[in-house]
C-alpha atoms as a PDB file:
ATOM      1  CA  MET A   1     -10.212 -38.740  52.897  1.00  0.00           C
ATOM      2  CA  TYR A   2     -12.530 -37.652  50.208  1.00  0.00           C
ATOM      3  CA  ARG A   3     -14.018 -39.078  47.225  1.00  0.00           C
ATOM      4  CA  GLN A   4     -16.176 -37.521  44.220  1.00  0.00           C
ATOM      5  CA  GLY A   5     -17.726 -39.997  41.827  1.00  0.00           C
ATOM      6  CA  ASP A   6     -15.062 -42.574  40.803  1.00  0.00           C
ATOM      7  CA  VAL A   7     -12.345 -40.200  42.322  1.00  0.00           C
ATOM      8  CA  LEU A   8     -10.716 -40.898  45.827  1.00  0.00           C
ATOM      9  CA  ILE A   9      -8.453 -38.260  47.538  1.00  0.00           C
ATOM     10  CA  VAL A  10      -6.364 -39.312  50.539  1.00  0.00           C
ATOM     11  CA  PRO A  11      -4.206 -36.823  52.751  1.00  0.00           C
ATOM     12  CA  VAL A  12      -0.906 -37.658  52.619  1.00  0.00           C
ATOM     13  CA  ALA A  13       1.638 -36.395  55.345  1.00  0.00           C
ATOM     14  CA  GLU A  14       4.614 -34.148  53.673  1.00  0.00           C
ATOM     15  CA  GLU A  15       7.157 -36.687  55.318  1.00  0.00           C
ATOM     16  CA  ALA A  16       5.352 -39.889  54.221  1.00  0.00           C
ATOM     17  CA  VAL A  17       5.315 -38.548  50.079  1.00  0.00           C
ATOM     18  CA  PRO A  18       7.902 -40.785  48.277  1.00  0.00           C
ATOM     19  CA  PRO A  19      11.288 -39.679  48.303  1.00  0.00           C
ATOM     20  CA  GLY A  20      11.365 -38.004  44.389  1.00  0.00           C
ATOM     21  CA  THR A  21       7.885 -37.210  43.767  1.00  0.00           C
ATOM     22  CA  ASP A  22       8.509 -33.868  43.053  1.00  0.00           C
ATOM     23  CA  ARG A  23      10.983 -34.878  40.247  1.00  0.00           C
ATOM     24  CA  LEU A  24       7.529 -37.072  38.590  1.00  0.00           C
ATOM     25  CA  PRO A  25       6.018 -35.536  35.296  1.00  0.00           C
ATOM     26  CA  HIS A  26       4.075 -32.438  35.955  1.00  0.00           C
ATOM     27  CA  GLN A  27       0.509 -32.913  34.196  1.00  0.00           C
ATOM     28  CA  PRO A  28      -0.724 -29.958  32.438  1.00  0.00           C
ATOM     29  CA  ARG A  29      -3.500 -27.578  33.337  1.00  0.00           C
ATOM     30  CA  ASP A  30      -6.414 -27.900  30.893  1.00  0.00           C
ATOM     31  CA  ALA A  31      -7.492 -24.965  28.678  1.00  0.00           C
ATOM     32  CA  ARG A  32     -10.080 -23.518  31.702  1.00  0.00           C
ATOM     33  CA  GLY A  33      -6.766 -23.522  33.999  1.00  0.00           C
ATOM     34  CA  ARG A  34      -7.828 -26.970  35.861  1.00  0.00           C
ATOM     35  CA  LEU A  35      -5.582 -29.554  36.963  1.00  0.00           C
ATOM     36  CA  VAL A  36      -7.467 -32.159  35.797  1.00  0.00           C
ATOM     37  CA  LEU A  37      -7.678 -35.043  38.128  1.00  0.00           C
ATOM     38  CA  ALA A  38     -10.099 -37.680  35.719  1.00  0.00           C
ATOM     39  CA  LEU A  39     -11.519 -36.764  32.376  1.00  0.00           C
ATOM     40  CA  GLY A  40     -15.156 -38.591  31.165  1.00  0.00           C
ATOM     41  CA  GLU A  41     -14.444 -40.497  28.032  1.00  0.00           C
ATOM     42  CA  VAL A  42     -17.677 -40.430  27.134  1.00  0.00           C
ATOM     43  CA  THR A  43     -19.096 -37.544  28.553  1.00  0.00           C
ATOM     44  CA  GLY A  44     -16.034 -35.113  28.820  1.00  0.00           C
ATOM     45  CA  HIS A  45     -16.779 -33.753  32.447  1.00  0.00           C
ATOM     46  CA  ALA A  46     -14.100 -33.511  34.481  1.00  0.00           C
ATOM     47  CA  HIS A  47     -12.921 -34.039  38.074  1.00  0.00           C
ATOM     48  CA  ALA A  48     -10.599 -31.438  38.505  1.00  0.00           C
ATOM     49  CA  VAL A  49      -8.873 -29.076  40.842  1.00  0.00           C
ATOM     50  CA  VAL A  50      -9.046 -25.277  40.847  1.00  0.00           C
ATOM     51  CA  GLY A  51      -6.473 -23.355  42.559  1.00  0.00           C
ATOM     52  CA  PRO A  52      -2.529 -23.061  42.970  1.00  0.00           C
ATOM     53  CA  GLY A  53      -1.170 -26.694  43.023  1.00  0.00           C
ATOM     54  CA  THR A  54       0.693 -28.998  41.387  1.00  0.00           C
ATOM     55  CA  LEU A  55      -0.766 -32.818  39.713  1.00  0.00           C
ATOM     56  CA  VAL A  56       2.284 -35.364  39.248  1.00  0.00           C
ATOM     57  CA  ARG A  57       1.581 -38.686  37.539  1.00  0.00           C
ATOM     58  CA  GLU A  58       3.884 -41.918  37.956  1.00  0.00           C
ATOM     59  CA  ALA A  59       3.762 -43.720  34.043  1.00  0.00           C
ATOM     60  CA  GLY A  60       1.253 -46.170  33.143  1.00  0.00           C
ATOM     61  CA  PRO A  61      -2.357 -46.552  33.755  1.00  0.00           C
ATOM     62  CA  PHE A  62      -2.543 -47.463  37.744  1.00  0.00           C
ATOM     63  CA  GLY A  63       0.559 -45.418  38.256  1.00  0.00           C
ATOM     64  CA  ALA A  64       0.065 -43.143  41.340  1.00  0.00           C
ATOM     65  CA  SER A  65      -0.989 -39.452  41.213  1.00  0.00           C
ATOM     66  CA  TYR A  66      -0.082 -37.017  43.587  1.00  0.00           C
ATOM     67  CA  LEU A  67      -1.472 -33.696  44.370  1.00  0.00           C
ATOM     68  CA  ARG A  68       0.261 -30.879  45.901  1.00  0.00           C
ATOM     69  CA  LEU A  69      -2.221 -28.188  47.152  1.00  0.00           C
ATOM     70  CA  PRO A  70      -0.153 -25.235  48.849  1.00  0.00           C
ATOM     71  CA  ASP A  71      -3.189 -23.105  49.668  1.00  0.00           C
ATOM     72  CA  GLY A  72      -5.833 -25.299  49.488  1.00  0.00           C
ATOM     73  CA  GLY A  73      -8.080 -25.718  46.252  1.00  0.00           C
ATOM     74  CA  ARG A  74     -11.530 -27.111  45.166  1.00  0.00           C
ATOM     75  CA  VAL A  75     -12.494 -29.903  43.580  1.00  0.00           C
ATOM     76  CA  VAL A  76     -15.057 -29.340  40.929  1.00  0.00           C
ATOM     77  CA  HIS A  77     -17.276 -31.735  38.432  1.00  0.00           C
ATOM     78  CA  GLU A  78     -20.023 -30.875  36.236  1.00  0.00           C
ATOM     79  CA  GLU A  79     -23.042 -33.590  38.017  1.00  0.00           C
ATOM     80  CA  HIS A  80     -21.335 -33.757  41.394  1.00  0.00           C
ATOM     81  CA  ALA A  81     -20.801 -30.851  44.424  1.00  0.00           C
ATOM     82  CA  ALA A  82     -17.711 -29.033  44.914  1.00  0.00           C
ATOM     83  CA  ILE A  83     -15.294 -30.674  47.734  1.00  0.00           C
ATOM     84  CA  SER A  84     -13.234 -27.942  49.366  1.00  0.00           C
ATOM     85  CA  LEU A  85      -9.346 -29.557  49.934  1.00  0.00           C
ATOM     86  CA  PRO A  86      -6.779 -27.518  52.990  1.00  0.00           C
ATOM     87  CA  LYS A  87      -3.389 -27.569  51.704  1.00  0.00           C
ATOM     88  CA  GLY A  88      -1.103 -30.493  51.879  1.00  0.00           C
ATOM     89  CA  TRP A  89      -0.579 -33.301  49.646  1.00  0.00           C
ATOM     90  CA  TYR A  90      -2.489 -35.893  48.857  1.00  0.00           C
ATOM     91  CA  ARG A  91      -2.652 -38.964  46.635  1.00  0.00           C
ATOM     92  CA  VAL A  92      -5.216 -39.535  44.227  1.00  0.00           C
ATOM     93  CA  VAL A  93      -6.742 -43.163  43.399  1.00  0.00           C
ATOM     94  CA  ARG A  94      -8.930 -43.801  40.078  1.00  0.00           C
ATOM     95  CA  GLN A  95     -11.907 -45.977  41.125  1.00  0.00           C
ATOM     96  CA  ARG A  96     -11.131 -49.902  39.281  1.00  0.00           C
ATOM     97  CA  GLU A  97     -13.267 -52.017  38.048  1.00  0.00           C
ATOM     98  CA  TYR A  98     -12.965 -56.027  36.836  1.00  0.00           C
ATOM     99  CA  ALA A  99     -13.862 -57.645  33.847  1.00  0.00           C
ATOM    100  CA  PRO A 100     -13.836 -60.318  32.385  1.00  0.00           C
ATOM    101  CA  GLY A 101      -9.530 -61.616  32.284  1.00  0.00           C
ATOM    102  CA  ALA A 102      -8.455 -57.606  33.233  1.00  0.00           C
ATOM    103  CA  VAL A 103      -8.467 -54.769  35.707  1.00  0.00           C
ATOM    104  CA  ARG A 104      -9.192 -51.620  34.607  1.00  0.00           C
ATOM    105  CA  VAL A 105      -9.629 -47.767  35.292  1.00  0.00           C
ATOM    106  CA  VAL A 106     -13.702 -46.877  35.578  1.00  0.00           C
ATOM    107  CA  ALA A 107     -14.836 -45.104  32.812  1.00  0.00           C
ATOM    108  CA  ASP A 108     -17.796 -42.786  32.508  1.00  0.00           C
END
């Protein structure tokens, strides 16, 4: 299990990936060719993966995200140390916070 700021990255065995995950919409890469796991609304900084792979997301603000890295990859961020990930599948979880009357994804 890996954590970088408000993003948790959990390894998932290939046989435990929910059926149909590979048919979810693939997230496009940003202008720098990265897979953006989370984008800071205020800073513009991003938790992003460099290297080959795909990122898929279920619809909705709390929909699950899955990352597939066929050759491994690195998670980078402007203010955090990079994390190397071995090849495989990962579930990407955004930190949530409670605000009176709502639960929301943490924004930085």
